[in-house]
Each structure stands twice: as C-alpha cells, then as structure tokens.
Amino acid sequence: MDDLDKLEDDFEKEFDDFRKETIREYKTKIAKYSLIVKNKNASTSDYADLFVACRSLYKFTKNEKGGPLISKDKVDKLADKLLVLIKKDITEGTPAIKAKAYCCLSYICVYRNDKRKALECYNKAVSLDKTFLSERADFKNVILNDKEGALADYHEALAVATDPATIDSIKFNIEHIDTLRDVDKSLKEVKWGDIKLLLFLILSLVIIALRIFSLFSK
C-alpha cells in the first residue's frame, strides 16, 4: 500500500467513524425524547425535539444503500402530530408560547423544503419574542446562506441573550462568519495567476511531504 492509498484509507475510516458517531447521537436523542413525550405533560417543545431528531436521522441516512434508518412515514406522522400541538399553542398560548410554536412550525417547513414559509415563521416568532433572534440567525446562516442577515440577527441577539451558553454560541457564530467573509474577500482580490501559483506551491509541498514521509517510514 502506497502513501496515497493509506491516506485514502485513513480518510474513509475517519468518515465512517464520524458517520457512526452522528447516527449514535441521533438515536440517543430519539430514545431520550421518545421517553419524554410518553409523559402526559410533554410540551410542544418536547415533541419538536423528537421530530427534529427523527428528521435529522432520516435526512442523514436516506441515501444509504439499505435505506434510511428511520422511515419517512414515521417522520411525517410526527410532523402531523406536532402541527396539531403548534396550532393549539398559536391559538391559546401566551406571546412566548406562540413565539416558540412558530419556531417549531419552521422546523416542519424546513423539512418540507418551504424556506419562504419557514422564514415567515421565524419573523413572527421574533416579533413576539426577541429571544428567538438567535434561532432566526441560525436559520439564515445555515439554511439560507444569508451571512449578512445572520450577522445582523446575531448582533441584535447579543443584546437580549442572558444564558452564558447561548451568548458564547452567538459570539462563536459571529467570529466564524467574519472569518469566512475575510477569507472570501481575500480570495476575490487574488488574481487567477496568483491562484495557480499558490495551487502549484501547495501541490509541490504535498508531494515533498509525501516523499519525506515515505523515507522516514522505511
């Protein structure tokens, strides 16, 4: 086995480990929230957590050879059950409960690939409760790829966030977006000739590193 084959095998092993760990985490969450929703006092948020975990496992494994590890039918039924609870909260709940319900509704919209409706739900949630700004920012950042919109929401969310973990998460996301934006700006300023030269140098360094690795491995 040469060095490139070994690198390829190492990458495949790391990816397989990542896949198994991700599946394990989703299954753990599903087991946890399944127990919670069996309680008569389970909230809409509890059902939403179960739905998101099942939705995530379905999407993560739906293209596998043996098929998804959870059926789409089960995820659809959970969405329908969650939708009934959401409608009740929006009709009867306090502003805070209504805001959370709209966020839960956005989860279903994303699952059904209706991004426009999902954004409308987040907008309604934020209009009722500013503490949901960070969730709308996450949606803009990850689903819509609207970095500027996400940054605006993250900065505004910092003014109302009180939970230390939430504040740390918001700051991390702001730094991450700023870093990517700076890198993108730098790349746009680099001429194509410079890019080809940079790629050539990187390739050369990789080849040299592989040769050195081969010498020391003998």
Protein backbone atom coordinates (compact mmCIF):
# COMPACT_ATOMS: atom_id res chain seq x y z
CA MET A 1 0.00 0.00 0.00
CA ASP A 2 1.49 3.35 -1.02
CA ASP A 3 1.16 6.61 0.87
CA LEU A 4 -1.79 7.88 -1.14
CA ASP A 5 -3.71 4.65 -0.61
CA LYS A 6 -3.00 4.88 3.11
CA LEU A 7 -4.23 8.48 3.22
CA GLU A 8 -7.38 7.45 1.38
CA ASP A 9 -7.98 4.56 3.79
CA ASP A 10 -7.42 6.86 6.77
CA PHE A 11 -9.92 9.36 5.38
CA GLU A 12 -12.51 6.65 4.76
CA LYS A 13 -12.04 5.35 8.31
CA GLU A 14 -12.41 8.83 9.80
CA PHE A 15 -15.54 9.45 7.74
CA ASP A 16 -17.00 6.10 8.80
CA ASP A 17 -16.25 6.91 12.45
CA PHE A 18 -17.94 10.31 12.01
CA ARG A 19 -20.97 8.66 10.40
CA LYS A 20 -21.33 6.10 13.19
CA GLU A 21 -20.95 8.73 15.92
CA THR A 22 -23.50 11.02 14.27
CA ILE A 23 -26.02 8.18 13.95
CA ARG A 24 -25.39 7.19 17.57
CA GLU A 25 -26.09 10.75 18.73
CA TYR A 26 -29.34 10.95 16.76
CA LYS A 27 -30.51 7.59 18.09
CA THR A 28 -29.68 8.65 21.65
CA LYS A 29 -31.75 11.82 21.25
CA ILE A 30 -34.64 9.88 19.73
CA ALA A 31 -34.63 7.43 22.64
CA LYS A 32 -34.48 10.30 25.15
CA TYR A 33 -37.27 12.38 23.63
CA SER A 34 -39.43 9.32 22.96
CA LEU A 35 -39.50 8.66 26.70
CA ILE A 36 -40.31 12.30 27.40
CA VAL A 37 -43.28 12.50 25.01
CA LYS A 38 -44.83 9.43 26.59
CA ASN A 39 -45.42 11.62 29.62
CA LYS A 40 -48.87 13.22 29.57
CA ASN A 41 -47.29 16.56 30.49
CA ALA A 42 -44.98 16.61 27.46
CA SER A 43 -44.86 20.03 25.81
CA THR A 44 -44.91 21.09 22.19
CA SER A 45 -41.17 21.71 22.50
CA ASP A 46 -40.65 18.10 23.62
CA TYR A 47 -42.45 16.83 20.51
CA ALA A 48 -40.46 19.29 18.42
CA ASP A 49 -37.19 17.91 19.83
CA LEU A 50 -38.27 14.38 18.95
CA PHE A 51 -39.33 15.45 15.46
CA VAL A 52 -36.03 17.25 14.80
CA ALA A 53 -34.01 14.23 15.97
CA CYS A 54 -36.01 11.86 13.75
CA ARG A 55 -35.90 14.28 10.82
CA SER A 56 -32.12 14.57 11.19
CA LEU A 57 -31.59 10.81 11.28
CA TYR A 58 -33.81 10.37 8.23
CA LYS A 59 -32.01 13.03 6.20
CA PHE A 60 -28.57 11.81 7.28
CA THR A 61 -29.24 8.20 6.22
CA LYS A 62 -31.83 8.47 3.44
CA ASN A 63 -29.30 7.90 0.65
CA GLU A 64 -27.69 4.82 2.18
CA LYS A 65 -27.85 1.54 0.28
CA GLY A 66 -30.07 -0.15 2.83
CA GLY A 67 -32.36 2.84 3.02
CA PRO A 68 -32.85 5.35 5.86
CA LEU A 69 -32.60 4.13 9.45
CA ILE A 70 -35.98 5.69 10.16
CA SER A 71 -38.90 5.74 7.76
CA LYS A 72 -40.20 8.92 6.14
CA ASP A 73 -43.68 7.80 7.12
CA LYS A 74 -42.75 7.96 10.80
CA VAL A 75 -41.23 11.42 10.41
CA ASP A 76 -44.34 12.61 8.53
CA LYS A 77 -46.62 11.30 11.28
CA LEU A 78 -44.54 13.12 13.90
CA ALA A 79 -44.79 16.30 11.84
CA ASP A 80 -48.58 15.94 11.70
CA LYS A 81 -48.79 15.35 15.47
CA LEU A 82 -46.51 18.33 16.13
CA LEU A 83 -48.59 20.52 13.81
CA VAL A 84 -51.74 19.88 15.89
CA LEU A 85 -49.92 21.00 19.05
CA ILE A 86 -48.47 24.04 17.30
CA LYS A 87 -51.89 25.22 16.12
CA LYS A 88 -53.22 24.88 19.66
CA ASP A 89 -50.32 26.92 21.11
CA ILE A 90 -50.69 29.65 18.49
CA THR A 91 -54.41 29.90 19.21
CA GLU A 92 -54.36 29.69 23.00
CA GLY A 93 -50.82 30.38 24.18
CA THR A 94 -49.09 33.39 25.67
CA PRO A 95 -46.85 35.50 23.38
CA ALA A 96 -43.80 33.49 24.50
CA ILE A 97 -45.56 30.17 23.83
CA LYS A 98 -46.80 31.42 20.45
CA ALA A 99 -43.26 32.51 19.53
CA LYS A 100 -41.88 29.06 20.32
CA ALA A 101 -44.72 27.47 18.38
CA TYR A 102 -43.83 29.48 15.28
CA CYS A 103 -40.22 28.32 15.61
CA CYS A 104 -41.42 24.72 15.83
CA LEU A 105 -43.55 25.31 12.75
CA SER A 106 -40.45 26.50 10.91
CA TYR A 107 -38.81 23.12 11.62
CA ILE A 108 -41.63 21.43 9.72
CA CYS A 109 -41.38 23.97 6.88
CA VAL A 110 -37.66 23.28 6.50
CA TYR A 111 -38.36 19.53 6.44
CA ARG A 112 -40.90 20.14 3.66
CA ASN A 113 -38.44 22.38 1.78
CA ASP A 114 -40.54 25.52 2.19
CA LYS A 115 -37.84 28.02 3.14
CA ARG A 116 -40.01 31.06 2.46
CA LYS A 117 -42.67 29.87 4.88
CA ALA A 118 -40.01 28.94 7.43
CA LEU A 119 -38.59 32.47 7.34
CA GLU A 120 -42.09 33.90 7.79
CA CYS A 121 -42.49 31.73 10.89
CA TYR A 122 -39.19 32.93 12.34
CA ASN A 123 -40.19 36.54 11.63
CA LYS A 124 -43.44 36.04 13.55
CA ALA A 125 -41.57 34.39 16.42
CA VAL A 126 -39.12 37.29 16.68
CA SER A 127 -41.93 39.84 16.53
CA LEU A 128 -43.42 38.15 19.60
CA ASP A 129 -40.20 37.42 21.50
CA LYS A 130 -36.75 38.85 20.68
CA THR A 131 -35.01 35.94 22.40
CA PHE A 132 -35.66 33.91 19.24
CA LEU A 133 -33.35 36.17 17.21
CA SER A 134 -30.50 33.69 17.56
CA GLU A 135 -32.66 30.89 16.13
CA ARG A 136 -33.60 33.03 13.15
CA ALA A 137 -29.92 33.89 12.72
CA ASP A 138 -29.03 30.18 12.68
CA PHE A 139 -31.67 29.61 10.01
CA LYS A 140 -30.36 32.45 7.85
CA ASN A 141 -26.77 31.29 8.35
CA VAL A 142 -27.19 27.57 7.70
CA ILE A 143 -30.32 27.16 5.56
CA LEU A 144 -30.48 30.41 3.57
CA ASN A 145 -26.72 31.05 3.50
CA ASP A 146 -27.57 34.70 4.20
CA LYS A 147 -24.44 35.63 6.12
CA GLU A 148 -25.16 39.35 6.33
CA GLY A 149 -28.70 38.77 7.55
CA ALA A 150 -27.44 36.24 10.07
CA LEU A 151 -24.79 38.64 11.37
CA ALA A 152 -27.38 41.37 11.88
CA ASP A 153 -29.57 38.98 13.87
CA TYR A 154 -26.65 37.60 15.90
CA HIS A 155 -25.51 41.08 16.93
CA GLU A 156 -29.06 42.05 17.91
CA ALA A 157 -29.48 38.75 19.77
CA LEU A 158 -26.47 39.54 21.96
CA ALA A 159 -28.37 42.49 23.40
CA VAL A 160 -31.19 40.28 24.71
CA ALA A 161 -29.42 36.96 25.44
CA THR A 162 -28.85 36.12 29.11
CA ASP A 163 -27.83 32.46 29.04
CA PRO A 164 -23.99 32.18 29.04
CA ALA A 165 -24.01 29.17 26.69
CA THR A 166 -26.24 31.00 24.21
CA ILE A 167 -24.03 34.09 24.36
CA ASP A 168 -20.91 32.00 23.72
CA SER A 169 -22.62 30.27 20.80
CA ILE A 170 -23.67 33.60 19.27
CA LYS A 171 -20.16 35.03 19.60
CA PHE A 172 -18.66 31.91 18.04
CA ASN A 173 -21.00 32.14 15.05
CA ILE A 174 -20.21 35.84 14.58
CA GLU A 175 -16.48 35.13 14.59
CA HIS A 176 -16.94 32.20 12.21
CA ILE A 177 -18.90 34.28 9.69
CA ASP A 178 -16.44 37.18 9.94
CA THR A 179 -13.52 34.80 9.32
CA LEU A 180 -15.16 33.23 6.26
CA ARG A 181 -16.06 36.66 4.91
CA ASP A 182 -12.46 37.88 5.28
CA VAL A 183 -11.15 34.76 3.53
CA ASP A 184 -13.67 35.17 0.70
CA LYS A 185 -12.71 38.83 0.30
CA SER A 186 -9.03 37.95 0.18
CA LEU A 187 -9.63 35.28 -2.46
CA LYS A 188 -11.53 37.73 -4.64
CA GLU A 189 -8.60 40.13 -4.50
CA VAL A 190 -6.14 37.47 -5.63
CA LYS A 191 -5.56 37.23 -9.38
CA TRP A 192 -6.08 33.91 -11.17
CA GLY A 193 -2.38 33.71 -11.96
CA ASP A 194 -1.58 34.02 -8.28
CA ILE A 195 -4.11 31.32 -7.50
CA LYS A 196 -2.49 28.92 -9.98
CA LEU A 197 0.92 29.67 -8.49
CA LEU A 198 -0.44 29.09 -4.99
CA LEU A 199 -2.02 25.79 -6.02
CA PHE A 200 1.24 24.71 -7.66
CA LEU A 201 3.18 25.52 -4.49
CA ILE A 202 0.67 23.65 -2.33
CA LEU A 203 0.84 20.61 -4.62
CA SER A 204 4.62 20.72 -4.56
CA LEU A 205 4.65 20.85 -0.77
CA VAL A 206 2.26 17.91 -0.60
CA ILE A 207 4.48 15.84 -2.92
CA ILE A 208 7.60 16.74 -0.92
CA ALA A 209 5.82 15.90 2.34
CA LEU A 210 4.77 12.51 0.97
CA ARG A 211 8.31 11.75 -0.15
CA ILE A 212 9.72 12.70 3.25
CA PHE A 213 7.05 10.62 4.93
CA SER A 214 7.95 7.69 2.67
CA LEU A 215 11.64 7.97 3.53
CA PHE A 216 11.03 8.01 7.27
CA SER A 217 8.52 5.18 7.03
CA LYS A 218 11.02 2.75 5.55
